[in-house]
PDB file of N, CA and C in Angstrom:
ATOM      1  N   MET A   1     114.070 128.687 112.860  1.00  0.00           N
ATOM      2  CA  MET A   1     112.930 128.364 112.035  1.00  0.00           C
ATOM      3  C   MET A   1     112.773 126.840 111.993  1.00  0.00           C
ATOM      4  N   LYS A   2     111.555 126.375 112.203  1.00  0.00           N
ATOM      5  CA  LYS A   2     111.251 124.949 112.164  1.00  0.00           C
ATOM      6  C   LYS A   2     111.345 124.431 110.725  1.00  0.00           C
ATOM      7  N   LYS A   3     111.789 123.177 110.607  1.00  0.00           N
ATOM      8  CA  LYS A   3     111.878 122.527 109.297  1.00  0.00           C
ATOM      9  C   LYS A   3     111.024 121.273 109.323  1.00  0.00           C
ATOM     10  N   VAL A   4     110.209 121.119 108.285  1.00  0.00           N
ATOM     11  CA  VAL A   4     109.346 119.956 108.148  1.00  0.00           C
ATOM     12  C   VAL A   4     109.707 119.253 106.849  1.00  0.00           C
ATOM     13  N   LEU A   5     109.767 117.936 106.912  1.00  0.00           N
ATOM     14  CA  LEU A   5     110.072 117.118 105.743  1.00  0.00           C
ATOM     15  C   LEU A   5     108.891 116.193 105.486  1.00  0.00           C
ATOM     16  N   PHE A   6     108.333 116.283 104.284  1.00  0.00           N
ATOM     17  CA  PHE A   6     107.259 115.394 103.862  1.00  0.00           C
ATOM     18  C   PHE A   6     107.866 114.317 102.967  1.00  0.00           C
ATOM     19  N   VAL A   7     107.601 113.060 103.316  1.00  0.00           N
ATOM     20  CA  VAL A   7     108.238 111.926 102.657  1.00  0.00           C
ATOM     21  C   VAL A   7     107.199 111.012 102.029  1.00  0.00           C
ATOM     22  N   CYS A   8     107.491 110.571 100.813  1.00  0.00           N
ATOM     23  CA  CYS A   8     106.732 109.478 100.208  1.00  0.00           C
ATOM     24  C   CYS A   8     107.694 108.716  99.295  1.00  0.00           C
ATOM     25  N   VAL A   9     107.205 107.752  98.601  1.00  0.00           N
ATOM     26  CA  VAL A   9     108.102 106.932  97.783  1.00  0.00           C
ATOM     27  C   VAL A   9     108.541 107.703  96.540  1.00  0.00           C
ATOM     28  N   HIS A  10     107.591 108.206  95.749  1.00  0.00           N
ATOM     29  CA  HIS A  10     107.935 108.810  94.455  1.00  0.00           C
ATOM     30  C   HIS A  10     108.090 110.327  94.477  1.00  0.00           C
ATOM     31  N   ASN A  11     107.652 110.982  95.538  1.00  0.00           N
ATOM     32  CA  ASN A  11     107.744 112.443  95.657  1.00  0.00           C
ATOM     33  C   ASN A  11     107.145 113.145  94.441  1.00  0.00           C
ATOM     34  N   SER A  12     106.031 112.602  93.974  1.00  0.00           N
ATOM     35  CA  SER A  12     105.407 113.182  92.785  1.00  0.00           C
ATOM     36  C   SER A  12     103.960 113.600  93.018  1.00  0.00           C
ATOM     37  N   GLY A  13     103.463 113.448  94.248  1.00  0.00           N
ATOM     38  CA  GLY A  13     102.072 113.776  94.499  1.00  0.00           C
ATOM     39  C   GLY A  13     101.826 114.328  95.884  1.00  0.00           C
ATOM     40  N   ARG A  14     101.544 113.441  96.833  1.00  0.00           N
ATOM     41  CA  ARG A  14     101.146 113.857  98.187  1.00  0.00           C
ATOM     42  C   ARG A  14     102.174 114.752  98.854  1.00  0.00           C
ATOM     43  N   SER A  15     103.429 114.344  98.835  1.00  0.00           N
ATOM     44  CA  SER A  15     104.461 115.128  99.524  1.00  0.00           C
ATOM     45  C   SER A  15     104.692 116.468  98.838  1.00  0.00           C
ATOM     46  N   GLN A  16     104.541 116.508  97.528  1.00  0.00           N
ATOM     47  CA  GLN A  16     104.659 117.777  96.795  1.00  0.00           C
ATOM     48  C   GLN A  16     103.533 118.729  97.204  1.00  0.00           C
ATOM     49  N   MET A  17     102.307 118.194  97.290  1.00  0.00           N
ATOM     50  CA  MET A  17     101.179 119.034  97.696  1.00  0.00           C
ATOM     51  C   MET A  17     101.365 119.542  99.127  1.00  0.00           C
ATOM     52  N   ALA A  18     101.784 118.657 100.024  1.00  0.00           N
ATOM     53  CA  ALA A  18     101.936 119.038 101.427  1.00  0.00           C
ATOM     54  C   ALA A  18     102.987 120.134 101.595  1.00  0.00           C
ATOM     55  N   ALA A  19     104.144 119.975 100.954  1.00  0.00           N
ATOM     56  CA  ALA A  19     105.202 120.983 101.075  1.00  0.00           C
ATOM     57  C   ALA A  19     104.751 122.316 100.486  1.00  0.00           C
ATOM     58  N   ALA A  20     104.052 122.276  99.361  1.00  0.00           N
ATOM     59  CA  ALA A  20     103.583 123.516  98.733  1.00  0.00           C
ATOM     60  C   ALA A  20     102.572 124.235  99.617  1.00  0.00           C
ATOM     61  N   PHE A  21     101.590 123.496 100.145  1.00  0.00           N
ATOM     62  CA  PHE A  21     100.624 124.113 101.062  1.00  0.00           C
ATOM     63  C   PHE A  21     101.331 124.661 102.293  1.00  0.00           C
ATOM     64  N   PHE A  22     102.222 123.864 102.866  1.00  0.00           N
ATOM     65  CA  PHE A  22     102.908 124.276 104.083  1.00  0.00           C
ATOM     66  C   PHE A  22     103.659 125.584 103.869  1.00  0.00           C
ATOM     67  N   ASN A  23     104.433 125.655 102.796  1.00  0.00           N
ATOM     68  CA  ASN A  23     105.238 126.853 102.548  1.00  0.00           C
ATOM     69  C   ASN A  23     104.374 128.069 102.249  1.00  0.00           C
ATOM     70  N   GLN A  24     103.222 127.863 101.653  1.00  0.00           N
ATOM     71  CA  GLN A  24     102.319 128.983 101.406  1.00  0.00           C
ATOM     72  C   GLN A  24     101.656 129.452 102.704  1.00  0.00           C
ATOM     73  N   LEU A  25     101.257 128.521 103.553  1.00  0.00           N
ATOM     74  CA  LEU A  25     100.452 128.851 104.722  1.00  0.00           C
ATOM     75  C   LEU A  25     101.262 129.188 105.978  1.00  0.00           C
ATOM     76  N   ALA A  26     102.486 128.706 106.064  1.00  0.00           N
ATOM     77  CA  ALA A  26     103.279 128.890 107.291  1.00  0.00           C
ATOM     78  C   ALA A  26     103.964 130.250 107.368  1.00  0.00           C
ATOM     79  N   GLY A  27     104.033 130.957 106.253  1.00  0.00           N
ATOM     80  CA  GLY A  27     104.734 132.234 106.266  1.00  0.00           C
ATOM     81  C   GLY A  27     106.193 132.035 106.630  1.00  0.00           C
ATOM     82  N   ASN A  28     106.715 132.871 107.545  1.00  0.00           N
ATOM     83  CA  ASN A  28     108.116 132.693 107.940  1.00  0.00           C
ATOM     84  C   ASN A  28     108.257 131.929 109.248  1.00  0.00           C
ATOM     85  N   LYS A  29     107.188 131.268 109.710  1.00  0.00           N
ATOM     86  CA  LYS A  29     107.274 130.473 110.934  1.00  0.00           C
ATOM     87  C   LYS A  29     108.072 129.188 110.729  1.00  0.00           C
ATOM     88  N   ALA A  30     107.991 128.631 109.533  1.00  0.00           N
ATOM     89  CA  ALA A  30     108.638 127.345 109.269  1.00  0.00           C
ATOM     90  C   ALA A  30     108.744 127.140 107.757  1.00  0.00           C
ATOM     91  N   ARG A  31     109.562 126.174 107.366  1.00  0.00           N
ATOM     92  CA  ARG A  31     109.729 125.831 105.953  1.00  0.00           C
ATOM     93  C   ARG A  31     109.585 124.328 105.796  1.00  0.00           C
ATOM     94  N   ALA A  32     109.161 123.910 104.632  1.00  0.00           N
ATOM     95  CA  ALA A  32     109.016 122.485 104.356  1.00  0.00           C
ATOM     96  C   ALA A  32     109.722 122.129 103.055  1.00  0.00           C
ATOM     97  N   ILE A  33     110.197 120.896 103.019  1.00  0.00           N
ATOM     98  CA  ILE A  33     110.709 120.299 101.791  1.00  0.00           C
ATOM     99  C   ILE A  33     110.059 118.926 101.668  1.00  0.00           C
ATOM    100  N   SER A  34     110.198 118.335 100.502  1.00  0.00           N
ATOM    101  CA  SER A  34     109.672 116.994 100.309  1.00  0.00           C
ATOM    102  C   SER A  34     110.688 116.178  99.530  1.00  0.00           C
ATOM    103  N   ALA A  35     110.608 114.866  99.716  1.00  0.00           N
ATOM    104  CA  ALA A  35     111.535 113.968  99.025  1.00  0.00           C
ATOM    105  C   ALA A  35     110.938 112.568  99.012  1.00  0.00           C
ATOM    106  N   GLY A  36     111.521 111.724  98.178  1.00  0.00           N
ATOM    107  CA  GLY A  36     111.058 110.345  98.075  1.00  0.00           C
ATOM    108  C   GLY A  36     112.205 109.365  98.034  1.00  0.00           C
ATOM    109  N   THR A  37     111.928 108.140  98.423  1.00  0.00           N
ATOM    110  CA  THR A  37     112.958 107.108  98.429  1.00  0.00           C
ATOM    111  C   THR A  37     113.245 106.583  97.025  1.00  0.00           C
ATOM    112  N   GLN A  38     112.251 106.678  96.150  1.00  0.00           N
ATOM    113  CA  GLN A  38     112.408 106.281  94.749  1.00  0.00           C
ATOM    114  C   GLN A  38     111.724 107.340  93.880  1.00  0.00           C
ATOM    115  N   PRO A  39     112.315 108.540  93.815  1.00  0.00           N
ATOM    116  CA  PRO A  39     111.620 109.652  93.160  1.00  0.00           C
ATOM    117  C   PRO A  39     111.345 109.413  91.677  1.00  0.00           C
ATOM    118  N   SER A  40     110.178 109.872  91.268  1.00  0.00           N
ATOM    119  CA  SER A  40     109.810 109.863  89.856  1.00  0.00           C
ATOM    120  C   SER A  40     110.615 110.931  89.126  1.00  0.00           C
ATOM    121  N   SER A  41     110.493 110.950  87.817  1.00  0.00           N
ATOM    122  CA  SER A  41     111.203 111.977  87.051  1.00  0.00           C
ATOM    123  C   SER A  41     110.422 113.289  87.004  1.00  0.00           C
ATOM    124  N   THR A  42     109.111 113.231  87.232  1.00  0.00           N
ATOM    125  CA  THR A  42     108.279 114.436  87.183  1.00  0.00           C
ATOM    126  C   THR A  42     107.180 114.363  88.236  1.00  0.00           C
ATOM    127  N   VAL A  43     106.599 115.514  88.524  1.00  0.00           N
ATOM    128  CA  VAL A  43     105.437 115.581  89.398  1.00  0.00           C
ATOM    129  C   VAL A  43     104.221 115.136  88.582  1.00  0.00           C
ATOM    130  N   ASN A  44     103.332 114.407  89.222  1.00  0.00           N
ATOM    131  CA  ASN A  44     102.123 113.900  88.588  1.00  0.00           C
ATOM    132  C   ASN A  44     101.313 115.065  87.994  1.00  0.00           C
ATOM    133  N   PRO A  45     101.005 115.037  86.687  1.00  0.00           N
ATOM    134  CA  PRO A  45     100.271 116.141  86.047  1.00  0.00           C
ATOM    135  C   PRO A  45      98.909 116.435  86.674  1.00  0.00           C
ATOM    136  N   ILE A  46      98.215 115.419  87.147  1.00  0.00           N
ATOM    137  CA  ILE A  46      96.903 115.658  87.766  1.00  0.00           C
ATOM    138  C   ILE A  46      97.062 116.376  89.096  1.00  0.00           C
ATOM    139  N   VAL A  47      98.160 116.113  89.790  1.00  0.00           N
ATOM    140  CA  VAL A  47      98.469 116.814  91.039  1.00  0.00           C
ATOM    141  C   VAL A  47      98.773 118.282  90.740  1.00  0.00           C
ATOM    142  N   ILE A  48      99.534 118.527  89.682  1.00  0.00           N
ATOM    143  CA  ILE A  48      99.821 119.903  89.257  1.00  0.00           C
ATOM    144  C   ILE A  48      98.514 120.640  88.971  1.00  0.00           C
ATOM    145  N   GLN A  49      97.597 119.979  88.266  1.00  0.00           N
ATOM    146  CA  GLN A  49      96.308 120.589  87.929  1.00  0.00           C
ATOM    147  C   GLN A  49      95.494 120.877  89.188  1.00  0.00           C
ATOM    148  N   ALA A  50      95.438 119.922  90.105  1.00  0.00           N
ATOM    149  CA  ALA A  50      94.661 120.107  91.337  1.00  0.00           C
ATOM    150  C   ALA A  50      95.229 121.249  92.171  1.00  0.00           C
ATOM    151  N   MET A  51      96.546 121.368  92.226  1.00  0.00           N
ATOM    152  CA  MET A  51      97.151 122.459  92.994  1.00  0.00           C
ATOM    153  C   MET A  51      96.950 123.805  92.310  1.00  0.00           C
ATOM    154  N   SER A  52      96.948 123.818  90.999  1.00  0.00           N
ATOM    155  CA  SER A  52      96.724 125.089  90.289  1.00  0.00           C
ATOM    156  C   SER A  52      95.326 125.631  90.583  1.00  0.00           C
ATOM    157  N   GLU A  53      94.380 124.747  90.851  1.00  0.00           N
ATOM    158  CA  GLU A  53      93.036 125.182  91.238  1.00  0.00           C
ATOM    159  C   GLU A  53      93.051 125.918  92.583  1.00  0.00           C
ATOM    160  N   GLU A  54      94.074 125.666  93.378  1.00  0.00           N
ATOM    161  CA  GLU A  54      94.248 126.347  94.664  1.00  0.00           C
ATOM    162  C   GLU A  54      95.149 127.575  94.531  1.00  0.00           C
ATOM    163  N   GLY A  55      95.558 127.884  93.309  1.00  0.00           N
ATOM    164  CA  GLY A  55      96.426 129.039  93.077  1.00  0.00           C
ATOM    165  C   GLY A  55      97.891 128.768  93.377  1.00  0.00           C
ATOM    166  N   ILE A  56      98.280 127.500  93.417  1.00  0.00           N
ATOM    167  CA  ILE A  56      99.670 127.123  93.704  1.00  0.00           C
ATOM    168  C   ILE A  56     100.254 126.408  92.494  1.00  0.00           C
ATOM    169  N   ASP A  57     101.326 126.962  91.964  1.00  0.00           N
ATOM    170  CA  ASP A  57     101.985 126.393  90.785  1.00  0.00           C
ATOM    171  C   ASP A  57     103.152 125.516  91.224  1.00  0.00           C
ATOM    172  N   ILE A  58     103.007 124.212  91.029  1.00  0.00           N
ATOM    173  CA  ILE A  58     104.108 123.294  91.323  1.00  0.00           C
ATOM    174  C   ILE A  58     104.634 122.648  90.047  1.00  0.00           C
ATOM    175  N   SER A  59     104.312 123.245  88.924  1.00  0.00           N
ATOM    176  CA  SER A  59     104.693 122.660  87.628  1.00  0.00           C
ATOM    177  C   SER A  59     106.203 122.616  87.408  1.00  0.00           C
ATOM    178  N   GLN A  60     106.941 123.472  88.102  1.00  0.00           N
ATOM    179  CA  GLN A  60     108.403 123.477  87.937  1.00  0.00           C
ATOM    180  C   GLN A  60     109.109 122.639  89.007  1.00  0.00           C
ATOM    181  N   ASN A  61     108.354 122.091  89.955  1.00  0.00           N
ATOM    182  CA  ASN A  61     108.953 121.250  90.997  1.00  0.00           C
ATOM    183  C   ASN A  61     109.509 119.968  90.390  1.00  0.00           C
ATOM    184  N   ARG A  62     110.565 119.478  90.976  1.00  0.00           N
ATOM    185  CA  ARG A  62     111.173 118.217  90.562  1.00  0.00           C
ATOM    186  C   ARG A  62     111.263 117.294  91.772  1.00  0.00           C
ATOM    187  N   PRO A  63     110.843 116.040  91.625  1.00  0.00           N
ATOM    188  CA  PRO A  63     110.990 115.091  92.730  1.00  0.00           C
ATOM    189  C   PRO A  63     112.454 114.980  93.156  1.00  0.00           C
ATOM    190  N   ALA A  64     112.645 114.864  94.471  1.00  0.00           N
ATOM    191  CA  ALA A  64     113.992 114.819  95.041  1.00  0.00           C
ATOM    192  C   ALA A  64     114.215 113.479  95.744  1.00  0.00           C
ATOM    193  N   LEU A  65     115.454 113.053  95.758  1.00  0.00           N
ATOM    194  CA  LEU A  65     115.835 111.819  96.437  1.00  0.00           C
ATOM    195  C   LEU A  65     116.028 112.099  97.924  1.00  0.00           C
ATOM    196  N   LEU A  66     115.353 111.328  98.748  1.00  0.00           N
ATOM    197  CA  LEU A  66     115.465 111.450 100.197  1.00  0.00           C
ATOM    198  C   LEU A  66     116.836 110.975 100.659  1.00  0.00           C
ATOM    199  N   ASN A  67     117.413 111.725 101.599  1.00  0.00           N
ATOM    200  CA  ASN A  67     118.661 111.261 102.201  1.00  0.00           C
ATOM    201  C   ASN A  67     118.578 111.435 103.718  1.00  0.00           C
ATOM    202  N   LEU A  68     119.449 110.743 104.418  1.00  0.00           N
ATOM    203  CA  LEU A  68     119.425 110.745 105.876  1.00  0.00           C
ATOM    204  C   LEU A  68     119.648 112.144 106.447  1.00  0.00           C
ATOM    205  N   GLU A  69     120.489 112.936 105.807  1.00  0.00           N
ATOM    206  CA  GLU A  69     120.757 114.298 106.282  1.00  0.00           C
ATOM    207  C   GLU A  69     119.478 115.134 106.313  1.00  0.00           C
ATOM    208  N   MET A  70     118.648 115.026 105.265  1.00  0.00           N
ATOM    209  CA  MET A  70     117.366 115.753 105.245  1.00  0.00           C
ATOM    210  C   MET A  70     116.523 115.378 106.453  1.00  0.00           C
ATOM    211  N   MET A  71     116.508 114.091 106.747  1.00  0.00           N
ATOM    212  CA  MET A  71     115.690 113.595 107.846  1.00  0.00           C
ATOM    213  C   MET A  71     116.216 114.079 109.190  1.00  0.00           C
ATOM    214  N   GLN A  72     117.525 114.035 109.364  1.00  0.00           N
ATOM    215  CA  GLN A  72     118.128 114.435 110.637  1.00  0.00           C
ATOM    216  C   GLN A  72     118.041 115.933 110.882  1.00  0.00           C
ATOM    217  N   GLU A  73     118.001 116.733 109.821  1.00  0.00           N
ATOM    218  CA  GLU A  73     117.938 118.189 109.963  1.00  0.00           C
ATOM    219  C   GLU A  73     116.520 118.722 110.132  1.00  0.00           C
ATOM    220  N   SER A  74     115.535 117.839 110.068  1.00  0.00           N
ATOM    221  CA  SER A  74     114.141 118.264 110.143  1.00  0.00           C
ATOM    222  C   SER A  74     113.598 118.116 111.558  1.00  0.00           C
ATOM    223  N   ASP A  75     112.769 119.084 111.952  1.00  0.00           N
ATOM    224  CA  ASP A  75     112.119 119.028 113.250  1.00  0.00           C
ATOM    225  C   ASP A  75     110.962 118.036 113.247  1.00  0.00           C
ATOM    226  N   ARG A  76     110.319 117.899 112.101  1.00  0.00           N
ATOM    227  CA  ARG A  76     109.217 116.941 111.943  1.00  0.00           C
ATOM    228  C   ARG A  76     109.408 116.237 110.617  1.00  0.00           C
ATOM    229  N   VAL A  77     109.226 114.919 110.621  1.00  0.00           N
ATOM    230  CA  VAL A  77     109.251 114.114 109.399  1.00  0.00           C
ATOM    231  C   VAL A  77     107.904 113.429 109.301  1.00  0.00           C
ATOM    232  N   ILE A  78     107.237 113.651 108.186  1.00  0.00           N
ATOM    233  CA  ILE A  78     105.885 113.127 108.015  1.00  0.00           C
ATOM    234  C   ILE A  78     105.816 112.290 106.755  1.00  0.00           C
ATOM    235  N   SER A  79     105.447 111.031 106.940  1.00  0.00           N
ATOM    236  CA  SER A  79     105.201 110.132 105.814  1.00  0.00           C
ATOM    237  C   SER A  79     103.792 110.393 105.314  1.00  0.00           C
ATOM    238  N   MET A  80     103.634 110.332 104.027  1.00  0.00           N
ATOM    239  CA  MET A  80     102.336 110.636 103.441  1.00  0.00           C
ATOM    240  C   MET A  80     101.472 109.390 103.230  1.00  0.00           C
ATOM    241  N   GLY A  81     101.915 108.255 103.738  1.00  0.00           N
ATOM    242  CA  GLY A  81     101.129 107.033 103.589  1.00  0.00           C
ATOM    243  C   GLY A  81     101.960 105.872 103.097  1.00  0.00           C
ATOM    244  N   CYS A  82     103.261 106.001 103.166  1.00  0.00           N
ATOM    245  CA  CYS A  82     104.131 104.926 102.669  1.00  0.00           C
ATOM    246  C   CYS A  82     104.649 104.045 103.798  1.00  0.00           C
ATOM    247  N   ILE A  83     104.147 104.217 104.993  1.00  0.00           N
ATOM    248  CA  ILE A  83     104.681 103.534 106.164  1.00  0.00           C
ATOM    249  C   ILE A  83     104.681 102.010 105.996  1.00  0.00           C
ATOM    250  N   ASP A  84     103.747 101.460 105.238  1.00  0.00           N
ATOM    251  CA  ASP A  84     103.667 100.012 105.043  1.00  0.00           C
ATOM    252  C   ASP A  84     104.500  99.514 103.871  1.00  0.00           C
ATOM    253  N   GLN A  85     105.110 100.409 103.123  1.00  0.00           N
ATOM    254  CA  GLN A  85     105.895 100.003 101.965  1.00  0.00           C
ATOM    255  C   GLN A  85     107.357  99.829 102.345  1.00  0.00           C
ATOM    256  N   THR A  86     107.988  98.847 101.756  1.00  0.00           N
ATOM    257  CA  THR A  86     109.379  98.567 102.095  1.00  0.00           C
ATOM    258  C   THR A  86     110.309  99.714 101.725  1.00  0.00           C
ATOM    259  N   ALA A  87     109.916 100.568 100.795  1.00  0.00           N
ATOM    260  CA  ALA A  87     110.762 101.690 100.377  1.00  0.00           C
ATOM    261  C   ALA A  87     110.692 102.870 101.338  1.00  0.00           C
ATOM    262  N   CYS A  88     109.802 102.815 102.316  1.00  0.00           N
ATOM    263  CA  CYS A  88     109.663 103.918 103.265  1.00  0.00           C
ATOM    264  C   CYS A  88     110.701 103.779 104.383  1.00  0.00           C
ATOM    265  N   PRO A  89     111.414 104.845 104.721  1.00  0.00           N
ATOM    266  CA  PRO A  89     112.513 104.772 105.702  1.00  0.00           C
ATOM    267  C   PRO A  89     112.054 104.872 107.154  1.00  0.00           C
ATOM    268  N   VAL A  90     111.069 104.068 107.537  1.00  0.00           N
ATOM    269  CA  VAL A  90     110.438 104.225 108.848  1.00  0.00           C
ATOM    270  C   VAL A  90     111.368 103.976 110.024  1.00  0.00           C
ATOM    271  N   ARG A  91     112.399 103.225 109.862  1.00  0.00           N
ATOM    272  CA  ARG A  91     113.250 102.893 110.997  1.00  0.00           C
ATOM    273  C   ARG A  91     114.453 103.820 111.155  1.00  0.00           C
ATOM    274  N   LEU A  92     114.604 104.775 110.260  1.00  0.00           N
ATOM    275  CA  LEU A  92     115.779 105.647 110.311  1.00  0.00           C
ATOM    276  C   LEU A  92     115.628 106.794 111.303  1.00  0.00           C
ATOM    277  N   VAL A  93     114.464 107.389 111.371  1.00  0.00           N
ATOM    278  CA  VAL A  93     114.191 108.467 112.324  1.00  0.00           C
ATOM    279  C   VAL A  93     112.730 108.355 112.750  1.00  0.00           C
ATOM    280  N   SER A  94     112.384 109.068 113.788  1.00  0.00           N
ATOM    281  CA  SER A  94     110.998 109.101 114.234  1.00  0.00           C
ATOM    282  C   SER A  94     110.171 109.892 113.222  1.00  0.00           C
ATOM    283  N   MET A  95     109.074 109.305 112.795  1.00  0.00           N
ATOM    284  CA  MET A  95     108.199 110.020 111.860  1.00  0.00           C
ATOM    285  C   MET A  95     106.754 109.656 112.147  1.00  0.00           C
ATOM    286  N   GLU A  96     105.881 110.558 111.748  1.00  0.00           N
ATOM    287  CA  GLU A  96     104.458 110.272 111.847  1.00  0.00           C
ATOM    288  C   GLU A  96     103.941 109.983 110.447  1.00  0.00           C
ATOM    289  N   ASP A  97     102.836 109.271 110.367  1.00  0.00           N
ATOM    290  CA  ASP A  97     102.283 108.889 109.064  1.00  0.00           C
ATOM    291  C   ASP A  97     100.869 109.437 108.926  1.00  0.00           C
ATOM    292  N   TRP A  98     100.626 110.146 107.830  1.00  0.00           N
ATOM    293  CA  TRP A  98      99.298 110.687 107.588  1.00  0.00           C
ATOM    294  C   TRP A  98      98.396 109.696 106.857  1.00  0.00           C
ATOM    295  N   GLY A  99      98.932 108.607 106.357  1.00  0.00           N
ATOM    296  CA  GLY A  99      98.127 107.537 105.782  1.00  0.00           C
ATOM    297  C   GLY A  99      97.208 107.936 104.648  1.00  0.00           C
ATOM    298  N   LEU A 100      97.700 108.735 103.737  1.00  0.00           N
ATOM    299  CA  LEU A 100      96.882 109.221 102.621  1.00  0.00           C
ATOM    300  C   LEU A 100      97.052 108.332 101.387  1.00  0.00           C
ATOM    301  N   PRO A 101      95.988 108.177 100.592  1.00  0.00           N
ATOM    302  CA  PRO A 101      96.109 107.370  99.376  1.00  0.00           C
ATOM    303  C   PRO A 101      96.989 108.052  98.323  1.00  0.00           C
ATOM    304  N   ASP A 102      97.671 107.244  97.542  1.00  0.00           N
ATOM    305  CA  ASP A 102      98.513 107.744  96.467  1.00  0.00           C
ATOM    306  C   ASP A 102      97.637 108.275  95.339  1.00  0.00           C
ATOM    307  N   PRO A 103      97.890 109.487  94.841  1.00  0.00           N
ATOM    308  CA  PRO A 103      97.082 110.034  93.744  1.00  0.00           C
ATOM    309  C   PRO A 103      97.328 109.355  92.385  1.00  0.00           C
ATOM    310  N   GLU A 104      98.382 108.564  92.292  1.00  0.00           N
ATOM    311  CA  GLU A 104      98.705 107.906  91.015  1.00  0.00           C
ATOM    312  C   GLU A 104      97.514 107.088  90.516  1.00  0.00           C
ATOM    313  N   GLY A 105      97.106 107.380  89.279  1.00  0.00           N
ATOM    314  CA  GLY A 105      96.011 106.651  88.655  1.00  0.00           C
ATOM    315  C   GLY A 105      94.621 107.074  89.093  1.00  0.00           C
ATOM    316  N   LYS A 106      94.530 108.088  89.937  1.00  0.00           N
ATOM    317  CA  LYS A 106      93.234 108.557  90.433  1.00  0.00           C
ATOM    318  C   LYS A 106      92.677 109.640  89.500  1.00  0.00           C
ATOM    319  N   SER A 107      91.362 109.814  89.568  1.00  0.00           N
ATOM    320  CA  SER A 107      90.705 110.867  88.797  1.00  0.00           C
ATOM    321  C   SER A 107      90.997 112.222  89.436  1.00  0.00           C
ATOM    322  N   LEU A 108      90.722 113.289  88.703  1.00  0.00           N
ATOM    323  CA  LEU A 108      90.912 114.632  89.237  1.00  0.00           C
ATOM    324  C   LEU A 108      90.061 114.825  90.494  1.00  0.00           C
ATOM    325  N   GLU A 109      88.846 114.329  90.485  1.00  0.00           N
ATOM    326  CA  GLU A 109      87.976 114.476  91.666  1.00  0.00           C
ATOM    327  C   GLU A 109      88.580 113.762  92.871  1.00  0.00           C
ATOM    328  N   GLU A 110      89.128 112.581  92.677  1.00  0.00           N
ATOM    329  CA  GLU A 110      89.761 111.850  93.787  1.00  0.00           C
ATOM    330  C   GLU A 110      91.008 112.588  94.283  1.00  0.00           C
ATOM    331  N   VAL A 111      91.780 113.157  93.358  1.00  0.00           N
ATOM    332  CA  VAL A 111      92.976 113.912  93.740  1.00  0.00           C
ATOM    333  C   VAL A 111      92.581 115.176  94.496  1.00  0.00           C
ATOM    334  N   ARG A 112      91.489 115.800  94.111  1.00  0.00           N
ATOM    335  CA  ARG A 112      91.003 116.970  94.852  1.00  0.00           C
ATOM    336  C   ARG A 112      90.684 116.603  96.303  1.00  0.00           C
ATOM    337  N   GLN A 113      90.097 115.445  96.517  1.00  0.00           N
ATOM    338  CA  GLN A 113      89.780 115.006  97.873  1.00  0.00           C
ATOM    339  C   GLN A 113      91.059 114.796  98.681  1.00  0.00           C
ATOM    340  N   ILE A 114      92.063 114.186  98.072  1.00  0.00           N
ATOM    341  CA  ILE A 114      93.356 113.989  98.736  1.00  0.00           C
ATOM    342  C   ILE A 114      93.987 115.341  99.034  1.00  0.00           C
ATOM    343  N   ARG A 115      93.962 116.238  98.043  1.00  0.00           N
ATOM    344  CA  ARG A 115      94.509 117.595  98.209  1.00  0.00           C
ATOM    345  C   ARG A 115      93.853 118.322  99.369  1.00  0.00           C
ATOM    346  N   ASP A 116      92.547 118.256  99.439  1.00  0.00           N
ATOM    347  CA  ASP A 116      91.829 118.969 100.493  1.00  0.00           C
ATOM    348  C   ASP A 116      92.147 118.393 101.874  1.00  0.00           C
ATOM    349  N   LYS A 117      92.298 117.088 101.967  1.00  0.00           N
ATOM    350  CA  LYS A 117      92.676 116.458 103.236  1.00  0.00           C
ATOM    351  C   LYS A 117      94.084 116.905 103.635  1.00  0.00           C
ATOM    352  N   ILE A 118      94.997 116.957 102.656  1.00  0.00           N
ATOM    353  CA  ILE A 118      96.362 117.417 102.931  1.00  0.00           C
ATOM    354  C   ILE A 118      96.341 118.851 103.442  1.00  0.00           C
ATOM    355  N   LYS A 119      95.556 119.705 102.818  1.00  0.00           N
ATOM    356  CA  LYS A 119      95.487 121.108 103.245  1.00  0.00           C
ATOM    357  C   LYS A 119      95.004 121.198 104.690  1.00  0.00           C
ATOM    358  N   THR A 120      94.007 120.416 105.046  1.00  0.00           N
ATOM    359  CA  THR A 120      93.500 120.402 106.421  1.00  0.00           C
ATOM    360  C   THR A 120      94.581 119.945 107.394  1.00  0.00           C
ATOM    361  N   LEU A 121      95.278 118.866 107.057  1.00  0.00           N
ATOM    362  CA  LEU A 121      96.339 118.347 107.928  1.00  0.00           C
ATOM    363  C   LEU A 121      97.493 119.341 108.054  1.00  0.00           C
ATOM    364  N   VAL A 122      97.845 120.004 106.962  1.00  0.00           N
ATOM    365  CA  VAL A 122      98.920 121.001 107.002  1.00  0.00           C
ATOM    366  C   VAL A 122      98.517 122.164 107.905  1.00  0.00           C
ATOM    367  N   ASN A 123      97.294 122.628 107.796  1.00  0.00           N
ATOM    368  CA  ASN A 123      96.831 123.704 108.681  1.00  0.00           C
ATOM    369  C   ASN A 123      96.914 123.293 110.143  1.00  0.00           C
ATOM    370  N   GLN A 124      96.550 122.064 110.462  1.00  0.00           N
ATOM    371  CA  GLN A 124      96.641 121.566 111.838  1.00  0.00           C
ATOM    372  C   GLN A 124      98.107 121.517 112.281  1.00  0.00           C
ATOM    373  N   LEU A 125      98.972 121.065 111.402  1.00  0.00           N
ATOM    374  CA  LEU A 125     100.397 120.988 111.728  1.00  0.00           C
ATOM    375  C   LEU A 125     100.971 122.377 112.014  1.00  0.00           C
ATOM    376  N   ILE A 126     100.619 123.348 111.205  1.00  0.00           N
ATOM    377  CA  ILE A 126     101.109 124.721 111.408  1.00  0.00           C
ATOM    378  C   ILE A 126     100.635 125.261 112.751  1.00  0.00           C
ATOM    379  N   GLU A 127      99.404 124.969 113.121  1.00  0.00           N
ATOM    380  CA  GLU A 127      98.894 125.400 114.425  1.00  0.00           C
ATOM    381  C   GLU A 127      99.706 124.773 115.569  1.00  0.00           C
ATOM    382  N   GLU A 128     100.113 123.515 115.408  1.00  0.00           N
ATOM    383  CA  GLU A 128     100.913 122.821 116.429  1.00  0.00           C
ATOM    384  C   GLU A 128     102.292 123.446 116.586  1.00  0.00           C
ATOM    385  N   LEU A 129     102.855 123.907 115.489  1.00  0.00           N
ATOM    386  CA  LEU A 129     104.204 124.466 115.519  1.00  0.00           C
ATOM    387  C   LEU A 129     104.193 125.835 116.158  1.00  0.00           C
TER     388      LEU A 129
END
């Protein structure tokens, strides 16, 4: 089974949405996890709300600390837009960057746009796998 790791700094928004969509849409073809280099204590409430509109409950998810083992055990590592930040582990393993804006401080409508873009990218990724 393929393993995908979605990475961002705080693991409280984009990477949480991507892993949730991936695990819902991929079935048993592959699994995804998410983590951050400086994880927050909770998932962003507006992200939880936006995902609940899609029928996905991430309210019990907890941001996780990224470690090298997670990266090495994954078939694909995808940065959610932190590639330009010093906290992003870009030099540790090969990763691709989706370059998405951080939902922190954004309105629900803006987070919905980010969510919908993530869903589209996740669907494309599943097709590739």
